[in-house]
Every structure is written in structure tokens, then in C-alpha cells.
Amino acid sequence: MDNRESGMGFFIGLLTGAVIGAALGFLYAPRTGKETRELVKERAGEVREKVSEMAEKSREAAVEARKRVEEKLGHKESAS
């Protein structure tokens, strides 16, 4: 298993744990149904923003990694 796969597995596990923890927290919270639904809506928006930010950072990191690989390959080809 390479670093990407283990990193993705960790991220999926972290996200799954967060969702389960939030769900249990909502179930045992002393709030009315309406308050709970509003809170869920807020938190879902926050999670959506964080996931979007993480996806953008991952995309940027992939682009940078690709550039580095292309530069290294270009240097090896010109050295041959």
C-alpha cells in the first residue's frame, strides 16, 4: 500500500468517525427536533466547506507533484 492509499484510508476513516460521532451527539442532545435539524443543517454546511477546501488543497498538491515529476523527468532526458 503506498502513501496515497493509506492517506485516503485515514481520511475516509476520520470522516466516517466524525459523522458517527456527530450523529450520536445529535441523538443524545437535549434539544427539540426543530433545533436539532437546524444544527444539523449548519454543521452539514460547515463540513461541506471543509471538504471543499481539502479537495482544493489536494488538487493543488497533485498539480505541484506532477510539475516536480515532469521537471525531474525533463532533467533526466536532457542529461542522457
N, C-alpha and C. Protein backbone atom coordinates (compact mmCIF):
# COMPACT_ATOMS: atom_id res chain seq x y z
N MET A 1 0.86 -1.17 0.00
CA MET A 1 0.00 0.00 0.00
C MET A 1 0.90 1.23 0.00
N ASP A 2 0.68 2.16 -0.93
CA ASP A 2 1.51 3.35 -0.96
C ASP A 2 0.93 4.45 -0.07
N ASN A 3 1.64 5.55 0.03
CA ASN A 3 1.23 6.64 0.93
C ASN A 3 -0.12 7.23 0.56
N ARG A 4 -0.41 7.32 -0.73
CA ARG A 4 -1.70 7.89 -1.15
C ARG A 4 -2.85 7.04 -0.64
N GLU A 5 -2.73 5.73 -0.79
CA GLU A 5 -3.80 4.83 -0.35
C GLU A 5 -3.97 4.88 1.15
N SER A 6 -2.88 4.91 1.90
CA SER A 6 -3.00 4.94 3.35
C SER A 6 -3.53 6.29 3.80
N GLY A 7 -3.15 7.36 3.12
CA GLY A 7 -3.67 8.69 3.45
C GLY A 7 -5.15 8.78 3.16
N MET A 8 -5.59 8.22 2.05
CA MET A 8 -7.01 8.24 1.69
C MET A 8 -7.80 7.39 2.67
N GLY A 9 -7.25 6.24 3.06
CA GLY A 9 -7.91 5.39 4.04
C GLY A 9 -8.07 6.10 5.37
N PHE A 10 -7.03 6.82 5.78
CA PHE A 10 -7.10 7.57 7.03
C PHE A 10 -8.18 8.64 6.94
N PHE A 11 -8.22 9.37 5.81
CA PHE A 11 -9.20 10.43 5.62
C PHE A 11 -10.62 9.87 5.66
N ILE A 12 -10.84 8.75 5.01
CA ILE A 12 -12.17 8.13 4.99
C ILE A 12 -12.55 7.68 6.40
N GLY A 13 -11.61 7.08 7.13
CA GLY A 13 -11.88 6.67 8.50
C GLY A 13 -12.17 7.85 9.40
N LEU A 14 -11.42 8.92 9.23
CA LEU A 14 -11.64 10.13 10.02
C LEU A 14 -13.01 10.72 9.74
N LEU A 15 -13.36 10.81 8.47
CA LEU A 15 -14.66 11.36 8.09
C LEU A 15 -15.80 10.48 8.61
N THR A 16 -15.65 9.17 8.49
CA THR A 16 -16.67 8.25 8.98
C THR A 16 -16.84 8.39 10.49
N GLY A 17 -15.74 8.46 11.22
CA GLY A 17 -15.80 8.63 12.67
C GLY A 17 -16.46 9.93 13.06
N ALA A 18 -16.15 10.99 12.33
CA ALA A 18 -16.75 12.30 12.62
C ALA A 18 -18.26 12.27 12.41
N VAL A 19 -18.69 11.63 11.32
CA VAL A 19 -20.12 11.54 11.03
C VAL A 19 -20.85 10.72 12.10
N ILE A 20 -20.27 9.60 12.48
CA ILE A 20 -20.90 8.76 13.51
C ILE A 20 -20.94 9.49 14.85
N GLY A 21 -19.84 10.15 15.19
CA GLY A 21 -19.81 10.91 16.45
C GLY A 21 -20.83 12.03 16.47
N ALA A 22 -20.94 12.75 15.36
CA ALA A 22 -21.92 13.83 15.28
C ALA A 22 -23.34 13.27 15.39
N ALA A 23 -23.60 12.17 14.70
CA ALA A 23 -24.94 11.57 14.75
C ALA A 23 -25.30 11.15 16.17
N LEU A 24 -24.37 10.52 16.88
CA LEU A 24 -24.64 10.13 18.26
C LEU A 24 -24.84 11.35 19.15
N GLY A 25 -24.05 12.37 18.91
CA GLY A 25 -24.21 13.61 19.68
C GLY A 25 -25.58 14.22 19.48
N PHE A 26 -26.06 14.22 18.25
CA PHE A 26 -27.39 14.78 17.97
C PHE A 26 -28.49 13.94 18.61
N LEU A 27 -28.32 12.63 18.59
CA LEU A 27 -29.34 11.75 19.16
C LEU A 27 -29.49 11.93 20.67
N TYR A 28 -28.39 12.19 21.35
CA TYR A 28 -28.43 12.30 22.80
C TYR A 28 -28.48 13.75 23.29
N ALA A 29 -28.53 14.70 22.39
CA ALA A 29 -28.57 16.12 22.78
C ALA A 29 -29.97 16.48 23.29
N PRO A 30 -30.01 17.28 24.36
CA PRO A 30 -31.32 17.68 24.92
C PRO A 30 -31.91 18.87 24.15
N ARG A 31 -32.25 18.66 22.88
CA ARG A 31 -32.83 19.72 22.05
C ARG A 31 -34.12 19.21 21.42
N THR A 32 -34.92 20.17 20.97
CA THR A 32 -36.13 19.79 20.24
C THR A 32 -35.73 19.33 18.84
N GLY A 33 -36.64 18.68 18.16
CA GLY A 33 -36.38 18.22 16.80
C GLY A 33 -36.04 19.37 15.86
N LYS A 34 -36.75 20.48 15.99
CA LYS A 34 -36.50 21.63 15.12
C LYS A 34 -35.10 22.19 15.36
N GLU A 35 -34.71 22.32 16.61
CA GLU A 35 -33.37 22.83 16.93
C GLU A 35 -32.29 21.89 16.39
N THR A 36 -32.53 20.60 16.55
CA THR A 36 -31.57 19.61 16.08
C THR A 36 -31.43 19.68 14.56
N ARG A 37 -32.55 19.81 13.85
CA ARG A 37 -32.49 19.90 12.38
C ARG A 37 -31.73 21.14 11.95
N GLU A 38 -31.93 22.26 12.63
CA GLU A 38 -31.20 23.49 12.29
C GLU A 38 -29.70 23.30 12.52
N LEU A 39 -29.37 22.66 13.63
CA LEU A 39 -27.97 22.42 13.95
C LEU A 39 -27.34 21.49 12.91
N VAL A 40 -28.07 20.45 12.53
CA VAL A 40 -27.57 19.53 11.50
C VAL A 40 -27.33 20.28 10.20
N LYS A 41 -28.25 21.15 9.84
CA LYS A 41 -28.11 21.93 8.60
C LYS A 41 -26.86 22.80 8.65
N GLU A 42 -26.63 23.45 9.80
CA GLU A 42 -25.44 24.29 9.96
C GLU A 42 -24.17 23.47 9.84
N ARG A 43 -24.14 22.37 10.58
CA ARG A 43 -22.93 21.53 10.59
C ARG A 43 -22.68 20.93 9.21
N ALA A 44 -23.72 20.55 8.52
CA ALA A 44 -23.55 20.00 7.17
C ALA A 44 -22.90 21.03 6.25
N GLY A 45 -23.31 22.28 6.39
CA GLY A 45 -22.71 23.35 5.60
C GLY A 45 -21.24 23.52 5.93
N GLU A 46 -20.91 23.45 7.23
CA GLU A 46 -19.52 23.57 7.65
C GLU A 46 -18.67 22.42 7.10
N VAL A 47 -19.21 21.22 7.19
CA VAL A 47 -18.49 20.04 6.69
C VAL A 47 -18.29 20.16 5.18
N ARG A 48 -19.32 20.60 4.49
CA ARG A 48 -19.23 20.77 3.03
C ARG A 48 -18.10 21.74 2.68
N GLU A 49 -18.01 22.85 3.42
CA GLU A 49 -16.95 23.83 3.16
C GLU A 49 -15.57 23.23 3.42
N LYS A 50 -15.43 22.51 4.54
CA LYS A 50 -14.13 21.92 4.87
C LYS A 50 -13.72 20.88 3.84
N VAL A 51 -14.65 20.05 3.40
CA VAL A 51 -14.34 19.04 2.40
C VAL A 51 -13.94 19.71 1.09
N SER A 52 -14.63 20.78 0.74
CA SER A 52 -14.29 21.51 -0.47
C SER A 52 -12.89 22.11 -0.38
N GLU A 53 -12.55 22.66 0.78
CA GLU A 53 -11.21 23.22 0.98
C GLU A 53 -10.15 22.12 0.88
N MET A 54 -10.42 20.99 1.52
CA MET A 54 -9.46 19.88 1.48
C MET A 54 -9.30 19.35 0.06
N ALA A 55 -10.38 19.29 -0.69
CA ALA A 55 -10.30 18.81 -2.07
C ALA A 55 -9.46 19.77 -2.91
N GLU A 56 -9.64 21.07 -2.69
CA GLU A 56 -8.87 22.07 -3.43
C GLU A 56 -7.39 21.97 -3.08
N LYS A 57 -7.08 21.81 -1.79
CA LYS A 57 -5.68 21.67 -1.38
C LYS A 57 -5.07 20.41 -1.97
N SER A 58 -5.84 19.32 -2.00
CA SER A 58 -5.34 18.07 -2.58
C SER A 58 -5.08 18.23 -4.06
N ARG A 59 -5.98 18.92 -4.73
CA ARG A 59 -5.80 19.15 -6.16
C ARG A 59 -4.54 19.97 -6.42
N GLU A 60 -4.35 21.02 -5.62
CA GLU A 60 -3.16 21.86 -5.77
C GLU A 60 -1.88 21.05 -5.51
N ALA A 61 -1.92 20.21 -4.48
CA ALA A 61 -0.75 19.38 -4.16
C ALA A 61 -0.46 18.41 -5.30
N ALA A 62 -1.50 17.85 -5.91
CA ALA A 62 -1.31 16.92 -7.03
C ALA A 62 -0.70 17.64 -8.22
N VAL A 63 -1.16 18.85 -8.48
CA VAL A 63 -0.60 19.63 -9.59
C VAL A 63 0.88 19.92 -9.34
N GLU A 64 1.21 20.31 -8.11
CA GLU A 64 2.61 20.59 -7.77
C GLU A 64 3.46 19.34 -7.89
N ALA A 65 2.95 18.22 -7.42
CA ALA A 65 3.70 16.96 -7.51
C ALA A 65 3.93 16.59 -8.97
N ARG A 66 2.92 16.79 -9.79
CA ARG A 66 3.06 16.48 -11.21
C ARG A 66 4.14 17.35 -11.84
N LYS A 67 4.15 18.65 -11.48
CA LYS A 67 5.16 19.55 -12.02
C LYS A 67 6.56 19.10 -11.63
N ARG A 68 6.72 18.69 -10.35
CA ARG A 68 8.04 18.24 -9.89
C ARG A 68 8.48 16.99 -10.65
N VAL A 69 7.56 16.06 -10.86
CA VAL A 69 7.89 14.83 -11.58
C VAL A 69 8.27 15.17 -13.02
N GLU A 70 7.49 16.04 -13.65
CA GLU A 70 7.79 16.41 -15.04
C GLU A 70 9.14 17.10 -15.13
N GLU A 71 9.46 17.95 -14.14
CA GLU A 71 10.76 18.63 -14.15
C GLU A 71 11.89 17.62 -14.02
N LYS A 72 11.74 16.67 -13.09
CA LYS A 72 12.78 15.66 -12.90
C LYS A 72 12.93 14.80 -14.15
N LEU A 73 11.83 14.41 -14.76
CA LEU A 73 11.90 13.61 -15.98
C LEU A 73 12.54 14.41 -17.10
N GLY A 74 12.22 15.67 -17.17
CA GLY A 74 12.81 16.53 -18.20
C GLY A 74 14.32 16.67 -18.02
N HIS A 75 14.76 16.77 -16.76
CA HIS A 75 16.19 16.89 -16.49
C HIS A 75 16.92 15.61 -16.81
N LYS A 76 16.30 14.46 -16.57
CA LYS A 76 16.94 13.17 -16.87
C LYS A 76 17.06 12.98 -18.37
N GLU A 77 16.02 13.37 -19.11
CA GLU A 77 16.05 13.19 -20.57
C GLU A 77 17.12 14.07 -21.20
N SER A 78 17.26 15.32 -20.71
CA SER A 78 18.25 16.20 -21.30
C SER A 78 19.67 15.80 -20.90
N ALA A 79 19.83 15.09 -19.77
CA ALA A 79 21.15 14.63 -19.33
C ALA A 79 21.59 13.40 -20.11
N SER A 80 20.68 12.67 -20.71
CA SER A 80 21.03 11.44 -21.44
C SER A 80 21.72 11.73 -22.74
